[in-house]
Amino acid sequence: MSLIDLKNELSYHKLKDRYIDLPATGATVEEAANVLQVDPDAIAKSLVLDVNQQPVVVVLSGNARLSNQRFKAEFDVRPHLLSPDKVRESTGYPVGGVNPIGLDNDLPVYLDTSLRGLPWLYPAAGDPYHALKLSLTELSELSHPVRWVTVSQ
């Protein structure tokens, strides 16, 4: 999905005002939290992992760490992050800009329980200089997750 497509999707859902142009890079959780002036937990980071030779996207809160044991319990494999080139090839977005909405190749999206209880979430919006401000309900509706998982510690 291009940035234009993403903006059109947001407009369709009457959420166009939730698209944020960042004045500096938000490629990492720390950078995004600083530029948005929010708690790092509110950053919805999208990790692209290999599960049985298929890329999947797992969205966690900013401070949540991926647990090898919990991931293996959910997916029956150890987690392996894709390389930056494979991330772009699989999602259409660069590392630091992966948005779980409208991904190329209809990748499966999983939302981690670490996102629950946060009033606002800020996922990247296609590149490190754009973000979205969404409620958990909006993120869930727009990303069409396969299911909720607990892969964080």
C-alpha atoms as a PDB file:
ATOM      1  CA  MET A   1       0.000   0.000   0.000  1.00  0.00           C
ATOM      2  CA  SER A   2       1.410   3.386  -0.941  1.00  0.00           C
ATOM      3  CA  LEU A   3       1.177   6.433   1.303  1.00  0.00           C
ATOM      4  CA  ILE A   4      -1.585   7.754  -0.969  1.00  0.00           C
ATOM      5  CA  ASP A   5      -3.508   4.478  -0.560  1.00  0.00           C
ATOM      6  CA  LEU A   6      -3.013   4.651   3.213  1.00  0.00           C
ATOM      7  CA  LYS A   7      -4.321   8.225   3.311  1.00  0.00           C
ATOM      8  CA  ASN A   8      -7.321   7.180   1.191  1.00  0.00           C
ATOM      9  CA  GLU A   9      -8.011   4.272   3.575  1.00  0.00           C
ATOM     10  CA  LEU A  10      -7.887   6.677   6.520  1.00  0.00           C
ATOM     11  CA  SER A  11     -10.208   9.104   4.713  1.00  0.00           C
ATOM     12  CA  TYR A  12     -12.661   6.297   4.011  1.00  0.00           C
ATOM     13  CA  HIS A  13     -12.795   5.539   7.751  1.00  0.00           C
ATOM     14  CA  LYS A  14     -12.975   9.266   8.623  1.00  0.00           C
ATOM     15  CA  LEU A  15      -9.535   9.109  10.276  1.00  0.00           C
ATOM     16  CA  LYS A  16      -7.515  11.300   7.904  1.00  0.00           C
ATOM     17  CA  ASP A  17      -6.710  13.697  10.766  1.00  0.00           C
ATOM     18  CA  ARG A  18      -4.854  10.821  12.506  1.00  0.00           C
ATOM     19  CA  TYR A  19      -2.024  10.878   9.946  1.00  0.00           C
ATOM     20  CA  ILE A  20       0.972  12.681  11.443  1.00  0.00           C
ATOM     21  CA  ASP A  21       3.921  14.259   9.604  1.00  0.00           C
ATOM     22  CA  LEU A  22       6.883  13.967  11.950  1.00  0.00           C
ATOM     23  CA  PRO A  23       9.448  16.810  12.069  1.00  0.00           C
ATOM     24  CA  ALA A  24      12.258  14.282  12.675  1.00  0.00           C
ATOM     25  CA  THR A  25      12.753  10.560  12.222  1.00  0.00           C
ATOM     26  CA  GLY A  26      10.682   8.159  14.271  1.00  0.00           C
ATOM     27  CA  ALA A  27      12.431   5.024  13.018  1.00  0.00           C
ATOM     28  CA  THR A  28      13.007   3.605  16.503  1.00  0.00           C
ATOM     29  CA  VAL A  29      10.666   3.422  19.474  1.00  0.00           C
ATOM     30  CA  GLU A  30      12.771   5.968  21.352  1.00  0.00           C
ATOM     31  CA  GLU A  31      12.894   8.398  18.419  1.00  0.00           C
ATOM     32  CA  ALA A  32       9.164   8.099  17.766  1.00  0.00           C
ATOM     33  CA  ALA A  33       8.285   8.568  21.440  1.00  0.00           C
ATOM     34  CA  ASN A  34      10.525  11.650  21.656  1.00  0.00           C
ATOM     35  CA  VAL A  35       9.224  13.331  18.525  1.00  0.00           C
ATOM     36  CA  LEU A  36       5.578  12.519  19.370  1.00  0.00           C
ATOM     37  CA  GLN A  37       6.111  13.358  23.056  1.00  0.00           C
ATOM     38  CA  VAL A  38       4.401  10.173  24.230  1.00  0.00           C
ATOM     39  CA  ASP A  39       5.329   7.262  26.469  1.00  0.00           C
ATOM     40  CA  PRO A  40       7.364   4.660  24.543  1.00  0.00           C
ATOM     41  CA  ASP A  41       4.716   2.023  25.347  1.00  0.00           C
ATOM     42  CA  ALA A  42       2.284   3.939  23.120  1.00  0.00           C
ATOM     43  CA  ILE A  43       4.443   3.303  20.062  1.00  0.00           C
ATOM     44  CA  ALA A  44       2.965   0.320  18.213  1.00  0.00           C
ATOM     45  CA  LYS A  45       6.031  -1.375  16.741  1.00  0.00           C
ATOM     46  CA  SER A  46       5.545  -3.805  13.889  1.00  0.00           C
ATOM     47  CA  LEU A  47       8.011  -6.671  13.783  1.00  0.00           C
ATOM     48  CA  VAL A  48       8.263  -8.734  10.619  1.00  0.00           C
ATOM     49  CA  LEU A  49       9.195 -12.327  11.374  1.00  0.00           C
ATOM     50  CA  ASP A  50       9.586 -15.584   9.503  1.00  0.00           C
ATOM     51  CA  VAL A  51       7.124 -18.308  10.493  1.00  0.00           C
ATOM     52  CA  ASN A  52       7.657 -21.475   8.472  1.00  0.00           C
ATOM     53  CA  GLN A  53       9.072 -19.493   5.547  1.00  0.00           C
ATOM     54  CA  GLN A  54       6.176 -17.039   5.538  1.00  0.00           C
ATOM     55  CA  PRO A  55       6.541 -13.457   6.742  1.00  0.00           C
ATOM     56  CA  VAL A  56       4.132 -12.379   9.454  1.00  0.00           C
ATOM     57  CA  VAL A  57       3.723  -9.061  11.255  1.00  0.00           C
ATOM     58  CA  VAL A  58       3.461  -8.947  15.019  1.00  0.00           C
ATOM     59  CA  VAL A  59       2.541  -5.606  16.590  1.00  0.00           C
ATOM     60  CA  LEU A  60       3.739  -4.959  20.158  1.00  0.00           C
ATOM     61  CA  SER A  61       3.789  -1.946  22.442  1.00  0.00           C
ATOM     62  CA  GLY A  62       7.014   0.030  22.310  1.00  0.00           C
ATOM     63  CA  ASN A  63       8.685  -1.207  25.495  1.00  0.00           C
ATOM     64  CA  ALA A  64       7.537  -4.806  25.091  1.00  0.00           C
ATOM     65  CA  ARG A  65      10.262  -7.295  24.274  1.00  0.00           C
ATOM     66  CA  LEU A  66       9.713 -10.332  22.122  1.00  0.00           C
ATOM     67  CA  SER A  67       9.923 -13.520  24.185  1.00  0.00           C
ATOM     68  CA  ASN A  68      11.471 -16.481  22.362  1.00  0.00           C
ATOM     69  CA  GLN A  69       9.579 -18.939  24.574  1.00  0.00           C
ATOM     70  CA  ARG A  70       6.196 -17.265  24.218  1.00  0.00           C
ATOM     71  CA  PHE A  71       6.637 -16.833  20.479  1.00  0.00           C
ATOM     72  CA  LYS A  72       7.471 -20.527  20.123  1.00  0.00           C
ATOM     73  CA  ALA A  73       4.418 -21.417  22.225  1.00  0.00           C
ATOM     74  CA  GLU A  74       2.182 -19.367  19.874  1.00  0.00           C
ATOM     75  CA  PHE A  75       3.742 -20.288  16.507  1.00  0.00           C
ATOM     76  CA  ASP A  76       5.627 -23.572  17.120  1.00  0.00           C
ATOM     77  CA  VAL A  77       8.873 -22.010  15.810  1.00  0.00           C
ATOM     78  CA  ARG A  78      11.581 -19.768  17.217  1.00  0.00           C
ATOM     79  CA  PRO A  79      11.268 -16.124  16.152  1.00  0.00           C
ATOM     80  CA  HIS A  80      13.504 -14.935  13.324  1.00  0.00           C
ATOM     81  CA  LEU A  81      13.367 -11.300  12.248  1.00  0.00           C
ATOM     82  CA  LEU A  82      13.531 -10.700   8.513  1.00  0.00           C
ATOM     83  CA  SER A  83      16.431  -8.700   7.069  1.00  0.00           C
ATOM     84  CA  PRO A  84      15.691  -5.066   6.102  1.00  0.00           C
ATOM     85  CA  ASP A  85      15.611  -6.036   2.397  1.00  0.00           C
ATOM     86  CA  LYS A  86      13.145  -8.852   3.063  1.00  0.00           C
ATOM     87  CA  VAL A  87      11.011  -6.545   5.222  1.00  0.00           C
ATOM     88  CA  ARG A  88      10.662  -4.063   2.352  1.00  0.00           C
ATOM     89  CA  GLU A  89      10.063  -6.855  -0.156  1.00  0.00           C
ATOM     90  CA  SER A  90       7.402  -8.478   2.054  1.00  0.00           C
ATOM     91  CA  THR A  91       5.563  -5.410   3.356  1.00  0.00           C
ATOM     92  CA  GLY A  92       6.254  -2.643   0.859  1.00  0.00           C
ATOM     93  CA  TYR A  93       7.618  -0.533   3.730  1.00  0.00           C
ATOM     94  CA  PRO A  94      11.146   0.047   5.048  1.00  0.00           C
ATOM     95  CA  VAL A  95      12.240  -0.966   8.538  1.00  0.00           C
ATOM     96  CA  GLY A  96      11.138   1.870  10.819  1.00  0.00           C
ATOM     97  CA  GLY A  97       8.090   2.569   8.675  1.00  0.00           C
ATOM     98  CA  VAL A  98       6.171  -0.728   8.687  1.00  0.00           C
ATOM     99  CA  ASN A  99       2.487  -0.086   9.124  1.00  0.00           C
ATOM    100  CA  PRO A 100       0.202  -3.041   9.910  1.00  0.00           C
ATOM    101  CA  ILE A 101      -2.596  -1.632   7.732  1.00  0.00           C
ATOM    102  CA  GLY A 102      -2.918  -2.644   4.088  1.00  0.00           C
ATOM    103  CA  LEU A 103       0.317  -4.567   3.799  1.00  0.00           C
ATOM    104  CA  ASP A 104       1.592  -5.834   0.456  1.00  0.00           C
ATOM    105  CA  ASN A 105       1.012  -9.551  -0.115  1.00  0.00           C
ATOM    106  CA  ASP A 106      -1.824  -9.659   2.471  1.00  0.00           C
ATOM    107  CA  LEU A 107       0.561 -10.655   5.239  1.00  0.00           C
ATOM    108  CA  PRO A 108      -0.992 -12.040   8.393  1.00  0.00           C
ATOM    109  CA  VAL A 109      -1.018  -9.542  11.267  1.00  0.00           C
ATOM    110  CA  TYR A 110      -1.045 -10.532  14.934  1.00  0.00           C
ATOM    111  CA  LEU A 111      -1.628  -8.065  17.768  1.00  0.00           C
ATOM    112  CA  ASP A 112       0.218  -8.693  21.022  1.00  0.00           C
ATOM    113  CA  THR A 113      -1.611  -8.333  24.329  1.00  0.00           C
ATOM    114  CA  SER A 114       0.979  -5.715  25.381  1.00  0.00           C
ATOM    115  CA  LEU A 115      -1.100  -3.203  23.375  1.00  0.00           C
ATOM    116  CA  ARG A 116      -4.141  -3.577  25.625  1.00  0.00           C
ATOM    117  CA  GLY A 117      -4.949  -0.841  28.096  1.00  0.00           C
ATOM    118  CA  LEU A 118      -3.273   1.973  26.141  1.00  0.00           C
ATOM    119  CA  PRO A 119      -5.610   4.847  25.203  1.00  0.00           C
ATOM    120  CA  TRP A 120      -3.718   5.767  22.013  1.00  0.00           C
ATOM    121  CA  LEU A 121      -1.294   3.860  19.843  1.00  0.00           C
ATOM    122  CA  TYR A 122       1.148   5.312  17.338  1.00  0.00           C
ATOM    123  CA  PRO A 123       2.168   2.912  14.560  1.00  0.00           C
ATOM    124  CA  ALA A 124       4.508   3.995  11.778  1.00  0.00           C
ATOM    125  CA  ALA A 125       2.778   5.101   8.598  1.00  0.00           C
ATOM    126  CA  GLY A 126       4.911   3.932   5.695  1.00  0.00           C
ATOM    127  CA  ASP A 127       8.257   5.522   6.478  1.00  0.00           C
ATOM    128  CA  PRO A 128      10.183   6.858   9.498  1.00  0.00           C
ATOM    129  CA  TYR A 129       8.770  10.374   9.052  1.00  0.00           C
ATOM    130  CA  HIS A 130       5.070   9.543   9.370  1.00  0.00           C
ATOM    131  CA  ALA A 131       2.897   7.975  12.055  1.00  0.00           C
ATOM    132  CA  LEU A 132      -0.738   7.372  12.893  1.00  0.00           C
ATOM    133  CA  LYS A 133      -2.663   8.037  16.081  1.00  0.00           C
ATOM    134  CA  LEU A 134      -5.209   5.270  16.608  1.00  0.00           C
ATOM    135  CA  SER A 135      -7.226   3.769  19.406  1.00  0.00           C
ATOM    136  CA  LEU A 136      -6.765   0.055  19.989  1.00  0.00           C
ATOM    137  CA  THR A 137     -10.185  -0.581  18.467  1.00  0.00           C
ATOM    138  CA  GLU A 138      -9.260   1.402  15.336  1.00  0.00           C
ATOM    139  CA  LEU A 139      -5.918  -0.381  14.999  1.00  0.00           C
ATOM    140  CA  SER A 140      -7.642  -3.735  15.372  1.00  0.00           C
ATOM    141  CA  GLU A 141     -10.353  -2.907  12.830  1.00  0.00           C
ATOM    142  CA  LEU A 142      -7.950  -1.482  10.241  1.00  0.00           C
ATOM    143  CA  SER A 143      -5.186  -4.099  10.524  1.00  0.00           C
ATOM    144  CA  HIS A 144      -7.521  -7.127  10.350  1.00  0.00           C
ATOM    145  CA  PRO A 145      -5.465  -9.270  12.728  1.00  0.00           C
ATOM    146  CA  VAL A 146      -5.570 -13.041  12.485  1.00  0.00           C
ATOM    147  CA  ARG A 147      -5.769 -13.145  16.270  1.00  0.00           C
ATOM    148  CA  TRP A 148      -4.406 -11.763  19.508  1.00  0.00           C
ATOM    149  CA  VAL A 149      -1.201 -13.348  20.776  1.00  0.00           C
ATOM    150  CA  THR A 150       1.020 -13.088  23.841  1.00  0.00           C
ATOM    151  CA  VAL A 151       4.581 -13.095  22.538  1.00  0.00           C
ATOM    152  CA  SER A 152       5.996 -10.318  24.705  1.00  0.00           C
ATOM    153  CA  GLN A 153       7.629 -10.407  28.101  1.00  0.00           C
END
